[in-house]
PDB file of N, CA and C in Angstrom:
ATOM      1  N   MET A   1     -13.929  -9.581  16.806  1.00  0.00           N
ATOM      2  CA  MET A   1     -14.860  -9.623  15.757  1.00  0.00           C
ATOM      3  C   MET A   1     -14.404  -8.700  14.575  1.00  0.00           C
ATOM      4  N   ALA A   2     -14.289  -9.138  13.492  1.00  0.00           N
ATOM      5  CA  ALA A   2     -14.123  -8.349  12.155  1.00  0.00           C
ATOM      6  C   ALA A   2     -14.891  -7.389  11.953  1.00  0.00           C
ATOM      7  N   ARG A   3     -14.839  -6.141  11.562  1.00  0.00           N
ATOM      8  CA  ARG A   3     -16.125  -5.403  10.902  1.00  0.00           C
ATOM      9  C   ARG A   3     -16.314  -5.601  10.013  1.00  0.00           C
ATOM     10  N   LYS A   4     -17.903  -5.414   9.799  1.00  0.00           N
ATOM     11  CA  LYS A   4     -18.409  -5.716   8.475  1.00  0.00           C
ATOM     12  C   LYS A   4     -17.985  -4.401   7.556  1.00  0.00           C
ATOM     13  N   ARG A   5     -17.532  -4.596   6.619  1.00  0.00           N
ATOM     14  CA  ARG A   5     -17.215  -3.259   5.399  1.00  0.00           C
ATOM     15  C   ARG A   5     -18.244  -3.479   4.274  1.00  0.00           C
ATOM     16  N   LYS A   6     -18.701  -2.437   4.036  1.00  0.00           N
ATOM     17  CA  LYS A   6     -19.217  -2.331   2.622  1.00  0.00           C
ATOM     18  C   LYS A   6     -18.431  -2.896   1.418  1.00  0.00           C
ATOM     19  N   HIS A   7     -19.393  -4.055   0.394  1.00  0.00           N
ATOM     20  CA  HIS A   7     -18.478  -3.894  -0.561  1.00  0.00           C
ATOM     21  C   HIS A   7     -18.172  -2.899  -1.308  1.00  0.00           C
ATOM     22  N   ASN A   8     -17.002  -3.016  -1.633  1.00  0.00           N
ATOM     23  CA  ASN A   8     -16.152  -1.891  -2.668  1.00  0.00           C
ATOM     24  C   ASN A   8     -16.465  -2.319  -3.890  1.00  0.00           C
ATOM     25  N   THR A   9     -17.266  -1.959  -5.059  1.00  0.00           N
ATOM     26  CA  THR A   9     -17.277  -2.121  -6.352  1.00  0.00           C
ATOM     27  C   THR A   9     -15.981  -1.803  -7.557  1.00  0.00           C
ATOM     28  N   ASN A  10     -15.574  -0.313  -6.729  1.00  0.00           N
ATOM     29  CA  ASN A  10     -14.213   0.112  -7.572  1.00  0.00           C
ATOM     30  C   ASN A  10     -13.329  -0.636  -8.070  1.00  0.00           C
ATOM     31  N   THR A  11     -12.890  -0.228  -9.081  1.00  0.00           N
ATOM     32  CA  THR A  11     -11.771  -0.503  -9.825  1.00  0.00           C
ATOM     33  C   THR A  11     -10.214  -0.194  -9.222  1.00  0.00           C
ATOM     34  N   ILE A  12      -9.065  -1.048  -9.620  1.00  0.00           N
ATOM     35  CA  ILE A  12      -7.889  -0.062  -9.091  1.00  0.00           C
ATOM     36  C   ILE A  12      -7.777   1.040  -9.308  1.00  0.00           C
ATOM     37  N   GLU A  13      -8.216   1.010 -10.799  1.00  0.00           N
ATOM     38  CA  GLU A  13      -8.012   2.536 -11.437  1.00  0.00           C
ATOM     39  C   GLU A  13      -9.071   3.539 -10.688  1.00  0.00           C
ATOM     40  N   ASP A  14      -9.975   3.408 -10.460  1.00  0.00           N
ATOM     41  CA  ASP A  14     -11.024   3.971  -9.589  1.00  0.00           C
ATOM     42  C   ASP A  14     -10.240   4.609  -8.406  1.00  0.00           C
ATOM     43  N   ASN A  15      -9.887   3.625  -7.752  1.00  0.00           N
ATOM     44  CA  ASN A  15      -9.005   4.008  -6.488  1.00  0.00           C
ATOM     45  C   ASN A  15      -7.871   4.773  -6.562  1.00  0.00           C
ATOM     46  N   LYS A  16      -7.379   4.821  -7.852  1.00  0.00           N
ATOM     47  CA  LYS A  16      -6.252   5.590  -7.775  1.00  0.00           C
ATOM     48  C   LYS A  16      -6.604   7.038  -7.402  1.00  0.00           C
ATOM     49  N   LEU A  17      -7.924   7.452  -8.038  1.00  0.00           N
ATOM     50  CA  LEU A  17      -8.473   9.022  -7.553  1.00  0.00           C
ATOM     51  C   LEU A  17      -8.761   8.958  -6.371  1.00  0.00           C
ATOM     52  N   ILE A  18      -9.159   7.648  -5.401  1.00  0.00           N
ATOM     53  CA  ILE A  18      -9.604   8.155  -4.105  1.00  0.00           C
ATOM     54  C   ILE A  18      -8.167   7.960  -3.309  1.00  0.00           C
ATOM     55  N   PHE A  19      -7.119   7.544  -3.739  1.00  0.00           N
ATOM     56  CA  PHE A  19      -5.847   7.701  -2.631  1.00  0.00           C
ATOM     57  C   PHE A  19      -5.130   9.132  -3.011  1.00  0.00           C
ATOM     58  N   GLY A  20      -5.599   9.903  -4.023  1.00  0.00           N
ATOM     59  CA  GLY A  20      -4.770  11.174  -4.619  1.00  0.00           C
ATOM     60  C   GLY A  20      -3.975  10.947  -5.566  1.00  0.00           C
ATOM     61  N   TYR A  21      -3.925   9.663  -6.444  1.00  0.00           N
ATOM     62  CA  TYR A  21      -3.282   9.310  -7.256  1.00  0.00           C
ATOM     63  C   TYR A  21      -3.625   9.644  -8.609  1.00  0.00           C
ATOM     64  N   LYS A  22      -3.010  10.501  -9.568  1.00  0.00           N
ATOM     65  CA  LYS A  22      -3.621  10.320 -10.748  1.00  0.00           C
ATOM     66  C   LYS A  22      -2.527  10.088 -11.685  1.00  0.00           C
ATOM     67  N   GLU A  23      -2.986   9.304 -12.600  1.00  0.00           N
ATOM     68  CA  GLU A  23      -1.991   8.508 -13.715  1.00  0.00           C
ATOM     69  C   GLU A  23      -1.179   9.564 -14.429  1.00  0.00           C
ATOM     70  N   GLY A  24       0.100   9.274 -14.074  1.00  0.00           N
ATOM     71  CA  GLY A  24       1.092  10.158 -14.887  1.00  0.00           C
ATOM     72  C   GLY A  24       1.956  11.506 -13.597  1.00  0.00           C
ATOM     73  N   MET A  25       1.428  11.359 -12.666  1.00  0.00           N
ATOM     74  CA  MET A  25       1.840  12.222 -11.485  1.00  0.00           C
ATOM     75  C   MET A  25       2.997  11.186 -11.038  1.00  0.00           C
ATOM     76  N   LYS A  26       4.241  12.066 -10.526  1.00  0.00           N
ATOM     77  CA  LYS A  26       5.216  11.839 -10.160  1.00  0.00           C
ATOM     78  C   LYS A  26       5.165  11.910  -8.420  1.00  0.00           C
ATOM     79  N   VAL A  27       5.805  10.401  -7.690  1.00  0.00           N
ATOM     80  CA  VAL A  27       5.177  10.169  -6.842  1.00  0.00           C
ATOM     81  C   VAL A  27       6.796   9.877  -6.167  1.00  0.00           C
ATOM     82  N   THR A  28       6.768   9.679  -4.580  1.00  0.00           N
ATOM     83  CA  THR A  28       7.825   9.492  -4.088  1.00  0.00           C
ATOM     84  C   THR A  28       7.491   7.604  -3.955  1.00  0.00           C
ATOM     85  N   MET A  29       9.023   6.790  -3.499  1.00  0.00           N
ATOM     86  CA  MET A  29       8.546   5.691  -3.249  1.00  0.00           C
ATOM     87  C   MET A  29       7.751   5.372  -2.223  1.00  0.00           C
ATOM     88  N   ASN A  30       8.140   6.225  -1.305  1.00  0.00           N
ATOM     89  CA  ASN A  30       6.838   5.908   0.158  1.00  0.00           C
ATOM     90  C   ASN A  30       5.866   6.279  -0.376  1.00  0.00           C
ATOM     91  N   GLU A  31       5.366   7.149  -0.993  1.00  0.00           N
ATOM     92  CA  GLU A  31       3.745   7.609  -1.572  1.00  0.00           C
ATOM     93  C   GLU A  31       3.713   6.183  -2.411  1.00  0.00           C
ATOM     94  N   ALA A  32       4.023   5.652  -3.306  1.00  0.00           N
ATOM     95  CA  ALA A  32       3.766   4.814  -3.607  1.00  0.00           C
ATOM     96  C   ALA A  32       3.425   3.544  -2.964  1.00  0.00           C
ATOM     97  N   VAL A  33       4.291   3.201  -1.947  1.00  0.00           N
ATOM     98  CA  VAL A  33       4.192   2.039  -1.182  1.00  0.00           C
ATOM     99  C   VAL A  33       2.906   2.088  -0.756  1.00  0.00           C
ATOM    100  N   VAL A  34       2.498   3.520   0.220  1.00  0.00           N
ATOM    101  CA  VAL A  34       1.589   3.629   1.051  1.00  0.00           C
ATOM    102  C   VAL A  34       0.323   3.535   0.106  1.00  0.00           C
ATOM    103  N   TYR A  35       0.406   3.991  -1.456  1.00  0.00           N
ATOM    104  CA  TYR A  35      -0.679   3.908  -2.015  1.00  0.00           C
ATOM    105  C   TYR A  35      -1.092   2.179  -2.375  1.00  0.00           C
ATOM    106  N   ARG A  36      -0.122   1.678  -2.602  1.00  0.00           N
ATOM    107  CA  ARG A  36      -0.178  -0.059  -3.177  1.00  0.00           C
ATOM    108  C   ARG A  36      -0.687  -0.687  -1.572  1.00  0.00           C
ATOM    109  N   ILE A  37      -0.175  -0.109  -0.462  1.00  0.00           N
ATOM    110  CA  ILE A  37      -0.718  -0.764   0.686  1.00  0.00           C
ATOM    111  C   ILE A  37      -2.496  -0.578   0.555  1.00  0.00           C
ATOM    112  N   LYS A  38      -2.729   0.663   0.475  1.00  0.00           N
ATOM    113  CA  LYS A  38      -3.966   0.982   0.544  1.00  0.00           C
ATOM    114  C   LYS A  38      -4.903   0.048  -0.489  1.00  0.00           C
ATOM    115  N   SER A  39      -4.453   0.334  -1.579  1.00  0.00           N
ATOM    116  CA  SER A  39      -5.122  -0.105  -2.726  1.00  0.00           C
ATOM    117  C   SER A  39      -5.505  -1.645  -2.773  1.00  0.00           C
ATOM    118  N   LEU A  40      -4.518  -2.561  -1.887  1.00  0.00           N
ATOM    119  CA  LEU A  40      -4.822  -3.721  -2.043  1.00  0.00           C
ATOM    120  C   LEU A  40      -5.723  -4.115  -0.708  1.00  0.00           C
ATOM    121  N   CYS A  41      -5.380  -3.377   0.310  1.00  0.00           N
ATOM    122  CA  CYS A  41      -6.509  -3.482   1.165  1.00  0.00           C
ATOM    123  C   CYS A  41      -7.949  -3.339   0.995  1.00  0.00           C
ATOM    124  N   GLU A  42      -7.946  -2.358  -0.316  1.00  0.00           N
ATOM    125  CA  GLU A  42      -9.457  -2.129  -0.602  1.00  0.00           C
ATOM    126  C   GLU A  42      -9.521  -3.451  -1.592  1.00  0.00           C
ATOM    127  N   LYS A  43      -8.796  -3.676  -2.205  1.00  0.00           N
ATOM    128  CA  LYS A  43      -8.671  -5.041  -3.176  1.00  0.00           C
ATOM    129  C   LYS A  43      -9.359  -6.284  -2.649  1.00  0.00           C
ATOM    130  N   PHE A  44      -8.776  -6.583  -1.461  1.00  0.00           N
ATOM    131  CA  PHE A  44      -9.169  -7.806  -0.264  1.00  0.00           C
ATOM    132  C   PHE A  44     -10.085  -7.406   0.445  1.00  0.00           C
ATOM    133  N   ASP A  45     -10.250  -6.140   0.468  1.00  0.00           N
ATOM    134  CA  ASP A  45     -11.763  -5.857   1.438  1.00  0.00           C
ATOM    135  C   ASP A  45     -10.765  -6.320   2.984  1.00  0.00           C
ATOM    136  N   MET A  46      -9.639  -5.834   3.261  1.00  0.00           N
ATOM    137  CA  MET A  46      -8.942  -6.210   4.433  1.00  0.00           C
ATOM    138  C   MET A  46      -8.692  -4.648   5.177  1.00  0.00           C
ATOM    139  N   SER A  47      -8.919  -4.764   6.614  1.00  0.00           N
ATOM    140  CA  SER A  47      -8.619  -3.800   7.426  1.00  0.00           C
ATOM    141  C   SER A  47      -6.860  -3.975   7.624  1.00  0.00           C
ATOM    142  N   VAL A  48      -6.165  -2.747   8.153  1.00  0.00           N
ATOM    143  CA  VAL A  48      -4.995  -2.784   8.894  1.00  0.00           C
ATOM    144  C   VAL A  48      -4.866  -3.849   9.835  1.00  0.00           C
ATOM    145  N   TYR A  49      -5.945  -4.333  10.543  1.00  0.00           N
ATOM    146  CA  TYR A  49      -5.707  -5.100  11.512  1.00  0.00           C
ATOM    147  C   TYR A  49      -5.638  -6.560  11.188  1.00  0.00           C
ATOM    148  N   GLU A  50      -6.539  -6.949   9.898  1.00  0.00           N
ATOM    149  CA  GLU A  50      -6.450  -8.121   9.332  1.00  0.00           C
ATOM    150  C   GLU A  50      -5.378  -8.273   8.655  1.00  0.00           C
ATOM    151  N   LEU A  51      -4.566  -7.246   8.133  1.00  0.00           N
ATOM    152  CA  LEU A  51      -3.365  -7.183   7.224  1.00  0.00           C
ATOM    153  C   LEU A  51      -2.463  -7.624   8.482  1.00  0.00           C
ATOM    154  N   SER A  52      -2.511  -7.059   9.726  1.00  0.00           N
ATOM    155  CA  SER A  52      -1.170  -7.215  10.471  1.00  0.00           C
ATOM    156  C   SER A  52      -1.385  -8.672  10.839  1.00  0.00           C
ATOM    157  N   LYS A  53      -2.388  -9.241  11.025  1.00  0.00           N
ATOM    158  CA  LYS A  53      -2.835 -10.366  11.609  1.00  0.00           C
ATOM    159  C   LYS A  53      -1.793 -11.535  10.600  1.00  0.00           C
ATOM    160  N   ARG A  54      -2.371 -11.406   9.362  1.00  0.00           N
ATOM    161  CA  ARG A  54      -1.869 -11.970   8.449  1.00  0.00           C
ATOM    162  C   ARG A  54      -0.318 -11.939   8.112  1.00  0.00           C
ATOM    163  N   SER A  55       0.226 -10.620   8.272  1.00  0.00           N
ATOM    164  CA  SER A  55       1.443 -10.447   7.879  1.00  0.00           C
ATOM    165  C   SER A  55       2.286 -10.811   9.110  1.00  0.00           C
ATOM    166  N   GLY A  56       2.001 -10.414  10.151  1.00  0.00           N
ATOM    167  CA  GLY A  56       3.060 -10.776  11.307  1.00  0.00           C
ATOM    168  C   GLY A  56       3.343  -9.744  11.752  1.00  0.00           C
ATOM    169  N   VAL A  57       3.421  -8.176  10.668  1.00  0.00           N
ATOM    170  CA  VAL A  57       3.971  -7.079  10.808  1.00  0.00           C
ATOM    171  C   VAL A  57       2.464  -6.386  11.810  1.00  0.00           C
ATOM    172  N   THR A  58       3.642  -5.555  13.044  1.00  0.00           N
ATOM    173  CA  THR A  58       2.290  -4.874  13.861  1.00  0.00           C
ATOM    174  C   THR A  58       1.524  -3.950  13.324  1.00  0.00           C
ATOM    175  N   GLN A  59       0.331  -4.052  14.046  1.00  0.00           N
ATOM    176  CA  GLN A  59      -0.515  -2.629  13.580  1.00  0.00           C
ATOM    177  C   GLN A  59      -0.059  -1.495  13.348  1.00  0.00           C
ATOM    178  N   SER A  60       0.602  -1.220  14.245  1.00  0.00           N
ATOM    179  CA  SER A  60       0.864   0.387  14.741  1.00  0.00           C
ATOM    180  C   SER A  60       2.211   0.472  13.521  1.00  0.00           C
ATOM    181  N   THR A  61       3.326  -0.494  13.169  1.00  0.00           N
ATOM    182  CA  THR A  61       4.119  -0.686  12.077  1.00  0.00           C
ATOM    183  C   THR A  61       3.508  -0.190  10.612  1.00  0.00           C
ATOM    184  N   ILE A  62       2.233  -1.074  10.286  1.00  0.00           N
ATOM    185  CA  ILE A  62       1.641  -0.789   8.979  1.00  0.00           C
ATOM    186  C   ILE A  62       1.009   0.767   9.459  1.00  0.00           C
ATOM    187  N   ASN A  63       0.784   1.416  10.515  1.00  0.00           N
ATOM    188  CA  ASN A  63      -0.001   2.439  10.274  1.00  0.00           C
ATOM    189  C   ASN A  63       1.027   3.534  10.568  1.00  0.00           C
ATOM    190  N   GLU A  64       2.127   3.716  10.765  1.00  0.00           N
ATOM    191  CA  GLU A  64       3.200   4.333  10.804  1.00  0.00           C
ATOM    192  C   GLU A  64       3.891   4.364   9.091  1.00  0.00           C
ATOM    193  N   ILE A  65       3.537   3.451   8.298  1.00  0.00           N
ATOM    194  CA  ILE A  65       4.009   3.330   7.204  1.00  0.00           C
ATOM    195  C   ILE A  65       2.706   3.999   6.219  1.00  0.00           C
ATOM    196  N   LEU A  66       1.483   3.725   6.781  1.00  0.00           N
ATOM    197  CA  LEU A  66       0.499   4.399   5.663  1.00  0.00           C
ATOM    198  C   LEU A  66       0.531   6.005   5.897  1.00  0.00           C
ATOM    199  N   ARG A  67       0.897   6.661   7.401  1.00  0.00           N
ATOM    200  CA  ARG A  67       0.673   8.083   7.845  1.00  0.00           C
ATOM    201  C   ARG A  67       2.059   8.745   7.589  1.00  0.00           C
ATOM    202  N   GLY A  68       3.087   7.984   6.773  1.00  0.00           N
ATOM    203  CA  GLY A  68       4.128   8.626   6.122  1.00  0.00           C
ATOM    204  C   GLY A  68       5.361   9.048   7.406  1.00  0.00           C
ATOM    205  N   ILE A  69       5.015   8.242   8.592  1.00  0.00           N
ATOM    206  CA  ILE A  69       5.982   8.272   9.790  1.00  0.00           C
ATOM    207  C   ILE A  69       7.387   7.427   9.553  1.00  0.00           C
ATOM    208  N   THR A  70       6.912   5.974   8.975  1.00  0.00           N
ATOM    209  CA  THR A  70       8.373   5.383   8.659  1.00  0.00           C
ATOM    210  C   THR A  70       8.270   5.786   7.444  1.00  0.00           C
ATOM    211  N   LYS A  71       9.390   6.606   6.648  1.00  0.00           N
ATOM    212  CA  LYS A  71       9.961   6.857   5.309  1.00  0.00           C
ATOM    213  C   LYS A  71      10.126   5.746   4.396  1.00  0.00           C
ATOM    214  N   ASN A  72      11.099   4.980   5.282  1.00  0.00           N
ATOM    215  CA  ASN A  72      11.908   3.914   4.265  1.00  0.00           C
ATOM    216  C   ASN A  72      11.853   2.628   5.101  1.00  0.00           C
ATOM    217  N   PRO A  73      10.263   1.949   4.984  1.00  0.00           N
ATOM    218  CA  PRO A  73      10.175   0.747   5.657  1.00  0.00           C
ATOM    219  C   PRO A  73      11.043  -0.421   4.948  1.00  0.00           C
ATOM    220  N   ARG A  74      11.689  -1.101   5.574  1.00  0.00           N
ATOM    221  CA  ARG A  74      12.455  -2.364   5.260  1.00  0.00           C
ATOM    222  C   ARG A  74      12.080  -3.269   4.432  1.00  0.00           C
ATOM    223  N   ILE A  75      12.438  -3.748   3.470  1.00  0.00           N
ATOM    224  CA  ILE A  75      12.399  -4.755   2.593  1.00  0.00           C
ATOM    225  C   ILE A  75      11.675  -5.781   3.274  1.00  0.00           C
ATOM    226  N   ALA A  76      12.405  -6.427   4.267  1.00  0.00           N
ATOM    227  CA  ALA A  76      11.511  -7.489   5.139  1.00  0.00           C
ATOM    228  C   ALA A  76      10.607  -7.080   5.575  1.00  0.00           C
ATOM    229  N   THR A  77      10.079  -6.101   5.785  1.00  0.00           N
ATOM    230  CA  THR A  77       8.956  -5.507   6.413  1.00  0.00           C
ATOM    231  C   THR A  77       8.104  -5.615   5.277  1.00  0.00           C
ATOM    232  N   LEU A  78       8.107  -5.331   4.287  1.00  0.00           N
ATOM    233  CA  LEU A  78       7.220  -5.252   3.036  1.00  0.00           C
ATOM    234  C   LEU A  78       7.017  -6.592   2.257  1.00  0.00           C
ATOM    235  N   ARG A  79       8.063  -7.345   2.706  1.00  0.00           N
ATOM    236  CA  ARG A  79       8.020  -8.864   1.979  1.00  0.00           C
ATOM    237  C   ARG A  79       6.682  -9.247   3.015  1.00  0.00           C
ATOM    238  N   LYS A  80       6.969  -9.418   4.377  1.00  0.00           N
ATOM    239  CA  LYS A  80       5.690  -9.590   4.995  1.00  0.00           C
ATOM    240  C   LYS A  80       4.184  -8.936   4.747  1.00  0.00           C
ATOM    241  N   VAL A  81       4.297  -7.667   4.724  1.00  0.00           N
ATOM    242  CA  VAL A  81       2.952  -7.284   3.850  1.00  0.00           C
ATOM    243  C   VAL A  81       2.581  -7.607   2.629  1.00  0.00           C
ATOM    244  N   ALA A  82       3.630  -7.888   1.937  1.00  0.00           N
ATOM    245  CA  ALA A  82       3.209  -8.648   0.923  1.00  0.00           C
ATOM    246  C   ALA A  82       2.657 -10.221   0.851  1.00  0.00           C
ATOM    247  N   GLN A  83       3.298 -10.961   1.953  1.00  0.00           N
ATOM    248  CA  GLN A  83       2.669 -12.362   2.109  1.00  0.00           C
ATOM    249  C   GLN A  83       1.257 -12.143   2.922  1.00  0.00           C
ATOM    250  N   GLY A  84       1.267 -11.167   3.640  1.00  0.00           N
ATOM    251  CA  GLY A  84       0.145 -10.861   3.905  1.00  0.00           C
ATOM    252  C   GLY A  84      -1.388 -10.790   2.929  1.00  0.00           C
ATOM    253  N   PHE A  85      -0.830 -10.520   1.968  1.00  0.00           N
ATOM    254  CA  PHE A  85      -1.806 -10.078   0.828  1.00  0.00           C
ATOM    255  C   PHE A  85      -1.701 -11.657  -0.320  1.00  0.00           C
ATOM    256  N   GLY A  86      -0.784 -12.601   0.418  1.00  0.00           N
ATOM    257  CA  GLY A  86      -0.927 -13.762  -0.334  1.00  0.00           C
ATOM    258  C   GLY A  86       0.236 -13.671  -1.763  1.00  0.00           C
ATOM    259  N   MET A  87       0.871 -12.486  -1.601  1.00  0.00           N
ATOM    260  CA  MET A  87       1.597 -12.425  -2.959  1.00  0.00           C
ATOM    261  C   MET A  87       3.224 -12.302  -2.266  1.00  0.00           C
ATOM    262  N   ASP A  88       4.149 -12.146  -3.522  1.00  0.00           N
ATOM    263  CA  ASP A  88       5.480 -11.811  -3.238  1.00  0.00           C
ATOM    264  C   ASP A  88       5.832 -10.672  -3.311  1.00  0.00           C
ATOM    265  N   LEU A  89       7.126  -9.994  -3.110  1.00  0.00           N
ATOM    266  CA  LEU A  89       7.596  -8.805  -3.227  1.00  0.00           C
ATOM    267  C   LEU A  89       7.421  -8.500  -4.865  1.00  0.00           C
ATOM    268  N   THR A  90       7.600  -9.219  -5.676  1.00  0.00           N
ATOM    269  CA  THR A  90       7.663  -9.206  -7.185  1.00  0.00           C
ATOM    270  C   THR A  90       6.108  -8.461  -7.612  1.00  0.00           C
ATOM    271  N   ASN A  91       5.462  -9.565  -7.152  1.00  0.00           N
ATOM    272  CA  ASN A  91       4.098  -8.864  -7.526  1.00  0.00           C
ATOM    273  C   ASN A  91       3.232  -7.454  -6.528  1.00  0.00           C
ATOM    274  N   PHE A  92       3.777  -7.490  -5.469  1.00  0.00           N
ATOM    275  CA  PHE A  92       3.415  -6.387  -4.670  1.00  0.00           C
ATOM    276  C   PHE A  92       4.048  -4.895  -5.388  1.00  0.00           C
ATOM    277  N   PHE A  93       5.361  -5.121  -6.431  1.00  0.00           N
ATOM    278  CA  PHE A  93       5.827  -4.000  -6.717  1.00  0.00           C
ATOM    279  C   PHE A  93       5.005  -3.658  -8.250  1.00  0.00           C
ATOM    280  N   ASP A  94       4.361  -4.782  -8.629  1.00  0.00           N
ATOM    281  CA  ASP A  94       3.749  -5.219 -10.044  1.00  0.00           C
ATOM    282  C   ASP A  94       2.944  -4.320 -10.407  1.00  0.00           C
ATOM    283  N   ASP A  95       2.704  -2.620 -10.257  1.00  0.00           N
ATOM    284  CA  ASP A  95       1.754  -2.082 -10.243  1.00  0.00           C
ATOM    285  C   ASP A  95       2.004  -0.712 -11.075  1.00  0.00           C
ATOM    286  N   PRO A  96       1.389  -0.011 -11.746  1.00  0.00           N
ATOM    287  CA  PRO A  96       1.721   1.024 -12.579  1.00  0.00           C
ATOM    288  C   PRO A  96       2.174   2.051 -11.801  1.00  0.00           C
ATOM    289  N   ILE A  97       1.813   2.367 -10.574  1.00  0.00           N
ATOM    290  CA  ILE A  97       2.033   3.606  -9.877  1.00  0.00           C
ATOM    291  C   ILE A  97       3.701   3.288  -9.709  1.00  0.00           C
ATOM    292  N   PHE A  98       4.221   2.421  -9.999  1.00  0.00           N
ATOM    293  CA  PHE A  98       5.874   2.514  -9.364  1.00  0.00           C
ATOM    294  C   PHE A  98       6.520   2.660 -10.443  1.00  0.00           C
ATOM    295  N   LYS A  99       5.812   3.082 -11.887  1.00  0.00           N
ATOM    296  CA  LYS A  99       6.246   3.603 -13.058  1.00  0.00           C
ATOM    297  C   LYS A  99       6.718   5.179 -12.743  1.00  0.00           C
ATOM    298  N   TYR A 100       6.193   5.536 -12.035  1.00  0.00           N
ATOM    299  CA  TYR A 100       6.301   7.279 -12.038  1.00  0.00           C
ATOM    300  C   TYR A 100       6.876   7.506 -10.552  1.00  0.00           C
ATOM    301  N   VAL A 101       7.627   6.766  -9.863  1.00  0.00           N
ATOM    302  CA  VAL A 101       8.290   7.058  -8.635  1.00  0.00           C
ATOM    303  C   VAL A 101       9.609   7.632  -9.005  1.00  0.00           C
ATOM    304  N   ILE A 102       9.967   8.865  -8.634  1.00  0.00           N
ATOM    305  CA  ILE A 102      10.824   9.800  -8.668  1.00  0.00           C
ATOM    306  C   ILE A 102      11.913   9.675  -7.702  1.00  0.00           C
ATOM    307  N   ASP A 103      13.215  10.246  -7.760  1.00  0.00           N
ATOM    308  CA  ASP A 103      14.262   9.996  -6.843  1.00  0.00           C
ATOM    309  C   ASP A 103      13.916  11.190  -5.814  1.00  0.00           C
ATOM    310  N   GLU A 104      13.711  10.925  -4.722  1.00  0.00           N
ATOM    311  CA  GLU A 104      13.362  12.053  -3.544  1.00  0.00           C
ATOM    312  C   GLU A 104      14.080  13.194  -3.354  1.00  0.00           C
ATOM    313  N   GLU A 105      15.270  13.264  -3.689  1.00  0.00           N
ATOM    314  CA  GLU A 105      15.954  14.326  -4.114  1.00  0.00           C
ATOM    315  C   GLU A 105      15.568  15.473  -5.003  1.00  0.00           C
ATOM    316  N   ASP A 106      15.040  14.646  -6.242  1.00  0.00           N
ATOM    317  CA  ASP A 106      14.685  14.979  -7.803  1.00  0.00           C
ATOM    318  C   ASP A 106      13.290  16.149  -7.420  1.00  0.00           C
ATOM    319  N   ASN A 107      12.429  15.774  -6.025  1.00  0.00           N
ATOM    320  CA  ASN A 107      11.132  16.285  -5.625  1.00  0.00           C
ATOM    321  C   ASN A 107      11.360  17.467  -4.850  1.00  0.00           C
ATOM    322  N   ASN A 108      12.856  18.068  -4.754  1.00  0.00           N
ATOM    323  CA  ASN A 108      12.656  19.599  -4.207  1.00  0.00           C
ATOM    324  C   ASN A 108      12.905  20.402  -5.216  1.00  0.00           C
TER     325      ASN A 108
END
């Protein structure tokens, strides 16, 4: 049985602060992907479990991405995650946060 979640009236702009992202902040690709998955889960009121079932990606794999254990998820995995949200990769990467991605080598 799916757990009942309180309806979130925050906008995606509000969620940027919730997930530790501020406009203009430089982020790694992994941080941007984590932010995007979390913000889409909030937007669609979807748990990681529900995303797992809809996408066909195991819950443990999604959790490893979200916790930063998996630093470079495969594009095929991200495609399945995007499909779990009812979108393609183009839509998944269509978020302002991806404008602020830096080369991880530049982050040192």
